[in-house]
Amino acid sequence: MTCYRSFPPQYTFNVESGSTRTEIKHWVELFFDVKVIAMTRKVVPVQCARFTVNRASTSGEPSAE
């Protein structure tokens, strides 16, 4: 038998990057009618586009080697 008082349920939410911890806590407590006792943060890495630049030819013509 699991007692939720000793191990409370944990939830994960994706939120706007400009939101503060206080705003997030306020809205979660308001919408879900719960008391937030702790919050942690995880920043999801952003995928960057990779571009390849051909530096062998600066004039736009193929080199005559």
PDB file of N, CA and C in Angstrom:
ATOM      1  N   MET A   1       0.838  -1.177   0.000  1.00  0.00           N
ATOM      2  CA  MET A   1       0.000   0.000   0.000  1.00  0.00           C
ATOM      3  C   MET A   1       0.886   1.244   0.000  1.00  0.00           C
ATOM      4  N   THR A   2       0.648   2.130  -0.951  1.00  0.00           N
ATOM      5  CA  THR A   2       1.442   3.345  -1.065  1.00  0.00           C
ATOM      6  C   THR A   2       0.714   4.508  -0.409  1.00  0.00           C
ATOM      7  N   CYS A   3       1.404   5.201   0.444  1.00  0.00           N
ATOM      8  CA  CYS A   3       0.838   6.380   1.101  1.00  0.00           C
ATOM      9  C   CYS A   3       1.313   7.615   0.346  1.00  0.00           C
ATOM     10  N   TYR A   4       0.389   8.381  -0.218  1.00  0.00           N
ATOM     11  CA  TYR A   4       0.766   9.543  -1.003  1.00  0.00           C
ATOM     12  C   TYR A   4       1.303  10.688  -0.151  1.00  0.00           C
ATOM     13  N   ARG A   5       1.118  10.624   1.146  1.00  0.00           N
ATOM     14  CA  ARG A   5       1.675  11.661   2.013  1.00  0.00           C
ATOM     15  C   ARG A   5       3.189  11.547   2.098  1.00  0.00           C
ATOM     16  N   SER A   6       3.713  10.333   1.987  1.00  0.00           N
ATOM     17  CA  SER A   6       5.160  10.154   2.046  1.00  0.00           C
ATOM     18  C   SER A   6       5.809  10.277   0.666  1.00  0.00           C
ATOM     19  N   PHE A   7       5.056  10.046  -0.385  1.00  0.00           N
ATOM     20  CA  PHE A   7       5.603  10.137  -1.739  1.00  0.00           C
ATOM     21  C   PHE A   7       4.544  10.755  -2.640  1.00  0.00           C
ATOM     22  N   PRO A   8       4.485  12.087  -2.704  1.00  0.00           N
ATOM     23  CA  PRO A   8       3.429  12.746  -3.479  1.00  0.00           C
ATOM     24  C   PRO A   8       3.613  12.536  -4.984  1.00  0.00           C
ATOM     25  N   PRO A   9       2.536  12.563  -5.742  1.00  0.00           N
ATOM     26  CA  PRO A   9       2.655  12.432  -7.200  1.00  0.00           C
ATOM     27  C   PRO A   9       3.374  13.634  -7.798  1.00  0.00           C
ATOM     28  N   GLN A  10       4.091  13.393  -8.888  1.00  0.00           N
ATOM     29  CA  GLN A  10       4.838  14.452  -9.562  1.00  0.00           C
ATOM     30  C   GLN A  10       4.327  14.577 -10.987  1.00  0.00           C
ATOM     31  N   TYR A  11       4.277  15.795 -11.489  1.00  0.00           N
ATOM     32  CA  TYR A  11       3.768  16.064 -12.829  1.00  0.00           C
ATOM     33  C   TYR A  11       4.764  16.915 -13.593  1.00  0.00           C
ATOM     34  N   THR A  12       4.714  16.817 -14.919  1.00  0.00           N
ATOM     35  CA  THR A  12       5.600  17.573 -15.790  1.00  0.00           C
ATOM     36  C   THR A  12       4.763  18.405 -16.745  1.00  0.00           C
ATOM     37  N   PHE A  13       5.138  19.664 -16.929  1.00  0.00           N
ATOM     38  CA  PHE A  13       4.443  20.571 -17.835  1.00  0.00           C
ATOM     39  C   PHE A  13       5.456  21.278 -18.721  1.00  0.00           C
ATOM     40  N   ASN A  14       5.079  21.528 -19.965  1.00  0.00           N
ATOM     41  CA  ASN A  14       5.858  22.383 -20.857  1.00  0.00           C
ATOM     42  C   ASN A  14       5.239  23.771 -20.800  1.00  0.00           C
ATOM     43  N   VAL A  15       6.058  24.781 -20.539  1.00  0.00           N
ATOM     44  CA  VAL A  15       5.553  26.146 -20.404  1.00  0.00           C
ATOM     45  C   VAL A  15       6.348  27.084 -21.300  1.00  0.00           C
ATOM     46  N   GLU A  16       5.839  28.295 -21.465  1.00  0.00           N
ATOM     47  CA  GLU A  16       6.521  29.315 -22.261  1.00  0.00           C
ATOM     48  C   GLU A  16       7.878  29.629 -21.644  1.00  0.00           C
ATOM     49  N   SER A  17       8.847  29.939 -22.488  1.00  0.00           N
ATOM     50  CA  SER A  17      10.190  30.201 -21.983  1.00  0.00           C
ATOM     51  C   SER A  17      10.283  31.527 -21.236  1.00  0.00           C
ATOM     52  N   GLY A  18       9.361  32.454 -21.460  1.00  0.00           N
ATOM     53  CA  GLY A  18       9.410  33.743 -20.793  1.00  0.00           C
ATOM     54  C   GLY A  18       8.708  33.770 -19.449  1.00  0.00           C
ATOM     55  N   SER A  19       8.138  32.654 -19.018  1.00  0.00           N
ATOM     56  CA  SER A  19       7.390  32.605 -17.762  1.00  0.00           C
ATOM     57  C   SER A  19       8.338  32.503 -16.571  1.00  0.00           C
ATOM     58  N   THR A  20       7.973  33.167 -15.477  1.00  0.00           N
ATOM     59  CA  THR A  20       8.764  33.069 -14.255  1.00  0.00           C
ATOM     60  C   THR A  20       8.238  31.921 -13.404  1.00  0.00           C
ATOM     61  N   ARG A  21       9.046  31.493 -12.446  1.00  0.00           N
ATOM     62  CA  ARG A  21       8.644  30.393 -11.558  1.00  0.00           C
ATOM     63  C   ARG A  21       7.413  30.771 -10.745  1.00  0.00           C
ATOM     64  N   THR A  22       7.340  32.031 -10.332  1.00  0.00           N
ATOM     65  CA  THR A  22       6.191  32.492  -9.554  1.00  0.00           C
ATOM     66  C   THR A  22       4.917  32.439 -10.383  1.00  0.00           C
ATOM     67  N   GLU A  23       4.998  32.852 -11.653  1.00  0.00           N
ATOM     68  CA  GLU A  23       3.832  32.800 -12.544  1.00  0.00           C
ATOM     69  C   GLU A  23       3.382  31.362 -12.769  1.00  0.00           C
ATOM     70  N   ILE A  24       4.329  30.477 -13.019  1.00  0.00           N
ATOM     71  CA  ILE A  24       3.997  29.070 -13.264  1.00  0.00           C
ATOM     72  C   ILE A  24       3.321  28.469 -12.035  1.00  0.00           C
ATOM     73  N   LYS A  25       3.884  28.726 -10.855  1.00  0.00           N
ATOM     74  CA  LYS A  25       3.300  28.211  -9.610  1.00  0.00           C
ATOM     75  C   LYS A  25       1.884  28.736  -9.420  1.00  0.00           C
ATOM     76  N   HIS A  26       1.691  30.027  -9.654  1.00  0.00           N
ATOM     77  CA  HIS A  26       0.371  30.637  -9.489  1.00  0.00           C
ATOM     78  C   HIS A  26      -0.658  29.985 -10.407  1.00  0.00           C
ATOM     79  N   TRP A  27      -0.330  29.835 -11.688  1.00  0.00           N
ATOM     80  CA  TRP A  27      -1.291  29.285 -12.649  1.00  0.00           C
ATOM     81  C   TRP A  27      -1.577  27.810 -12.398  1.00  0.00           C
ATOM     82  N   VAL A  28      -0.578  27.028 -12.013  1.00  0.00           N
ATOM     83  CA  VAL A  28      -0.814  25.607 -11.713  1.00  0.00           C
ATOM     84  C   VAL A  28      -1.733  25.474 -10.506  1.00  0.00           C
ATOM     85  N   GLU A  29      -1.484  26.271  -9.463  1.00  0.00           N
ATOM     86  CA  GLU A  29      -2.346  26.215  -8.277  1.00  0.00           C
ATOM     87  C   GLU A  29      -3.760  26.670  -8.600  1.00  0.00           C
ATOM     88  N   LEU A  30      -3.901  27.668  -9.458  1.00  0.00           N
ATOM     89  CA  LEU A  30      -5.216  28.190  -9.815  1.00  0.00           C
ATOM     90  C   LEU A  30      -6.010  27.197 -10.667  1.00  0.00           C
ATOM     91  N   PHE A  31      -5.398  26.660 -11.721  1.00  0.00           N
ATOM     92  CA  PHE A  31      -6.116  25.787 -12.654  1.00  0.00           C
ATOM     93  C   PHE A  31      -6.413  24.402 -12.084  1.00  0.00           C
ATOM     94  N   PHE A  32      -5.486  23.830 -11.332  1.00  0.00           N
ATOM     95  CA  PHE A  32      -5.634  22.453 -10.871  1.00  0.00           C
ATOM     96  C   PHE A  32      -6.060  22.343  -9.414  1.00  0.00           C
ATOM     97  N   ASP A  33      -6.227  23.468  -8.734  1.00  0.00           N
ATOM     98  CA  ASP A  33      -6.664  23.500  -7.336  1.00  0.00           C
ATOM     99  C   ASP A  33      -5.784  22.601  -6.463  1.00  0.00           C
ATOM    100  N   VAL A  34      -4.474  22.824  -6.572  1.00  0.00           N
ATOM    101  CA  VAL A  34      -3.491  22.076  -5.792  1.00  0.00           C
ATOM    102  C   VAL A  34      -2.549  23.061  -5.112  1.00  0.00           C
ATOM    103  N   LYS A  35      -1.746  22.568  -4.193  1.00  0.00           N
ATOM    104  CA  LYS A  35      -0.714  23.364  -3.547  1.00  0.00           C
ATOM    105  C   LYS A  35       0.632  22.895  -4.076  1.00  0.00           C
ATOM    106  N   VAL A  36       1.370  23.781  -4.739  1.00  0.00           N
ATOM    107  CA  VAL A  36       2.690  23.446  -5.267  1.00  0.00           C
ATOM    108  C   VAL A  36       3.685  23.559  -4.117  1.00  0.00           C
ATOM    109  N   ILE A  37       4.387  22.460  -3.827  1.00  0.00           N
ATOM    110  CA  ILE A  37       5.350  22.480  -2.729  1.00  0.00           C
ATOM    111  C   ILE A  37       6.784  22.589  -3.228  1.00  0.00           C
ATOM    112  N   ALA A  38       7.044  22.199  -4.473  1.00  0.00           N
ATOM    113  CA  ALA A  38       8.391  22.292  -5.024  1.00  0.00           C
ATOM    114  C   ALA A  38       8.313  22.272  -6.542  1.00  0.00           C
ATOM    115  N   MET A  39       9.269  22.961  -7.158  1.00  0.00           N
ATOM    116  CA  MET A  39       9.356  22.965  -8.621  1.00  0.00           C
ATOM    117  C   MET A  39      10.814  22.812  -9.016  1.00  0.00           C
ATOM    118  N   THR A  40      11.035  22.066 -10.082  1.00  0.00           N
ATOM    119  CA  THR A  40      12.358  21.980 -10.684  1.00  0.00           C
ATOM    120  C   THR A  40      12.225  22.390 -12.131  1.00  0.00           C
ATOM    121  N   ARG A  41      13.350  22.691 -12.741  1.00  0.00           N
ATOM    122  CA  ARG A  41      13.325  23.218 -14.092  1.00  0.00           C
ATOM    123  C   ARG A  41      14.268  22.404 -14.961  1.00  0.00           C
ATOM    124  N   LYS A  42      13.833  22.138 -16.172  1.00  0.00           N
ATOM    125  CA  LYS A  42      14.681  21.469 -17.146  1.00  0.00           C
ATOM    126  C   LYS A  42      14.561  22.232 -18.448  1.00  0.00           C
ATOM    127  N   VAL A  43      15.691  22.673 -18.984  1.00  0.00           N
ATOM    128  CA  VAL A  43      15.700  23.408 -20.235  1.00  0.00           C
ATOM    129  C   VAL A  43      15.903  22.412 -21.366  1.00  0.00           C
ATOM    130  N   VAL A  44      14.965  22.395 -22.291  1.00  0.00           N
ATOM    131  CA  VAL A  44      15.043  21.497 -23.430  1.00  0.00           C
ATOM    132  C   VAL A  44      15.988  22.109 -24.457  1.00  0.00           C
ATOM    133  N   PRO A  45      17.001  21.373 -24.924  1.00  0.00           N
ATOM    134  CA  PRO A  45      17.931  21.936 -25.896  1.00  0.00           C
ATOM    135  C   PRO A  45      17.251  22.208 -27.233  1.00  0.00           C
ATOM    136  N   VAL A  46      17.656  23.294 -27.863  1.00  0.00           N
ATOM    137  CA  VAL A  46      17.097  23.692 -29.150  1.00  0.00           C
ATOM    138  C   VAL A  46      17.987  23.136 -30.248  1.00  0.00           C
ATOM    139  N   GLN A  47      17.374  22.501 -31.235  1.00  0.00           N
ATOM    140  CA  GLN A  47      18.129  21.979 -32.363  1.00  0.00           C
ATOM    141  C   GLN A  47      18.539  23.130 -33.273  1.00  0.00           C
ATOM    142  N   CYS A  48      19.820  23.230 -33.587  1.00  0.00           N
ATOM    143  CA  CYS A  48      20.327  24.287 -34.460  1.00  0.00           C
ATOM    144  C   CYS A  48      20.479  23.734 -35.875  1.00  0.00           C
ATOM    145  N   ALA A  49      20.163  24.571 -36.846  1.00  0.00           N
ATOM    146  CA  ALA A  49      20.355  24.175 -38.240  1.00  0.00           C
ATOM    147  C   ALA A  49      21.844  24.244 -38.559  1.00  0.00           C
ATOM    148  N   ARG A  50      22.327  23.269 -39.269  1.00  0.00           N
ATOM    149  CA  ARG A  50      23.744  23.247 -39.622  1.00  0.00           C
ATOM    150  C   ARG A  50      23.885  23.568 -41.105  1.00  0.00           C
ATOM    151  N   PHE A  51      24.728  24.524 -41.385  1.00  0.00           N
ATOM    152  CA  PHE A  51      24.969  24.928 -42.760  1.00  0.00           C
ATOM    153  C   PHE A  51      26.410  24.597 -43.124  1.00  0.00           C
ATOM    154  N   THR A  52      26.604  24.117 -44.345  1.00  0.00           N
ATOM    155  CA  THR A  52      27.936  23.821 -44.833  1.00  0.00           C
ATOM    156  C   THR A  52      28.342  24.908 -45.809  1.00  0.00           C
ATOM    157  N   VAL A  53      29.503  25.483 -45.585  1.00  0.00           N
ATOM    158  CA  VAL A  53      30.001  26.555 -46.441  1.00  0.00           C
ATOM    159  C   VAL A  53      31.190  26.015 -47.209  1.00  0.00           C
ATOM    160  N   ASN A  54      31.144  26.159 -48.535  1.00  0.00           N
ATOM    161  CA  ASN A  54      32.247  25.739 -49.380  1.00  0.00           C
ATOM    162  C   ASN A  54      33.243  26.888 -49.448  1.00  0.00           C
ATOM    163  N   ARG A  55      34.382  26.750 -48.795  1.00  0.00           N
ATOM    164  CA  ARG A  55      35.370  27.828 -48.744  1.00  0.00           C
ATOM    165  C   ARG A  55      36.476  27.640 -49.778  1.00  0.00           C
ATOM    166  N   ALA A  56      36.417  26.611 -50.570  1.00  0.00           N
ATOM    167  CA  ALA A  56      37.462  26.380 -51.560  1.00  0.00           C
ATOM    168  C   ALA A  56      37.375  27.396 -52.683  1.00  0.00           C
ATOM    169  N   SER A  57      36.199  27.826 -53.019  1.00  0.00           N
ATOM    170  CA  SER A  57      36.015  28.761 -54.118  1.00  0.00           C
ATOM    171  C   SER A  57      35.309  30.004 -53.595  1.00  0.00           C
ATOM    172  N   THR A  58      35.997  31.156 -53.639  1.00  0.00           N
ATOM    173  CA  THR A  58      35.391  32.394 -53.169  1.00  0.00           C
ATOM    174  C   THR A  58      34.801  33.199 -54.310  1.00  0.00           C
ATOM    175  N   SER A  59      35.205  32.923 -55.542  1.00  0.00           N
ATOM    176  CA  SER A  59      34.702  33.690 -56.676  1.00  0.00           C
ATOM    177  C   SER A  59      33.473  33.055 -57.306  1.00  0.00           C
ATOM    178  N   GLY A  60      33.083  31.893 -56.866  1.00  0.00           N
ATOM    179  CA  GLY A  60      31.921  31.227 -57.422  1.00  0.00           C
ATOM    180  C   GLY A  60      32.267  30.289 -58.562  1.00  0.00           C
ATOM    181  N   GLU A  61      33.527  30.324 -59.024  1.00  0.00           N
ATOM    182  CA  GLU A  61      33.962  29.444 -60.108  1.00  0.00           C
ATOM    183  C   GLU A  61      34.802  28.317 -59.520  1.00  0.00           C
ATOM    184  N   PRO A  62      34.753  27.143 -60.145  1.00  0.00           N
ATOM    185  CA  PRO A  62      35.577  26.039 -59.653  1.00  0.00           C
ATOM    186  C   PRO A  62      37.063  26.357 -59.812  1.00  0.00           C
ATOM    187  N   SER A  63      37.856  25.877 -58.881  1.00  0.00           N
ATOM    188  CA  SER A  63      39.295  26.137 -58.947  1.00  0.00           C
ATOM    189  C   SER A  63      39.929  25.250 -60.013  1.00  0.00           C
ATOM    190  N   ALA A  64      40.942  25.796 -60.714  1.00  0.00           N
ATOM    191  CA  ALA A  64      41.640  25.064 -61.782  1.00  0.00           C
ATOM    192  C   ALA A  64      42.938  24.517 -61.215  1.00  0.00           C
ATOM    193  N   GLU A  65      42.858  23.352 -60.595  1.00  0.00           N
ATOM    194  CA  GLU A  65      44.061  22.756 -60.015  1.00  0.00           C
ATOM    195  C   GLU A  65      44.553  21.636 -60.855  1.00  0.00           C
TER     196      GLU A  65
END
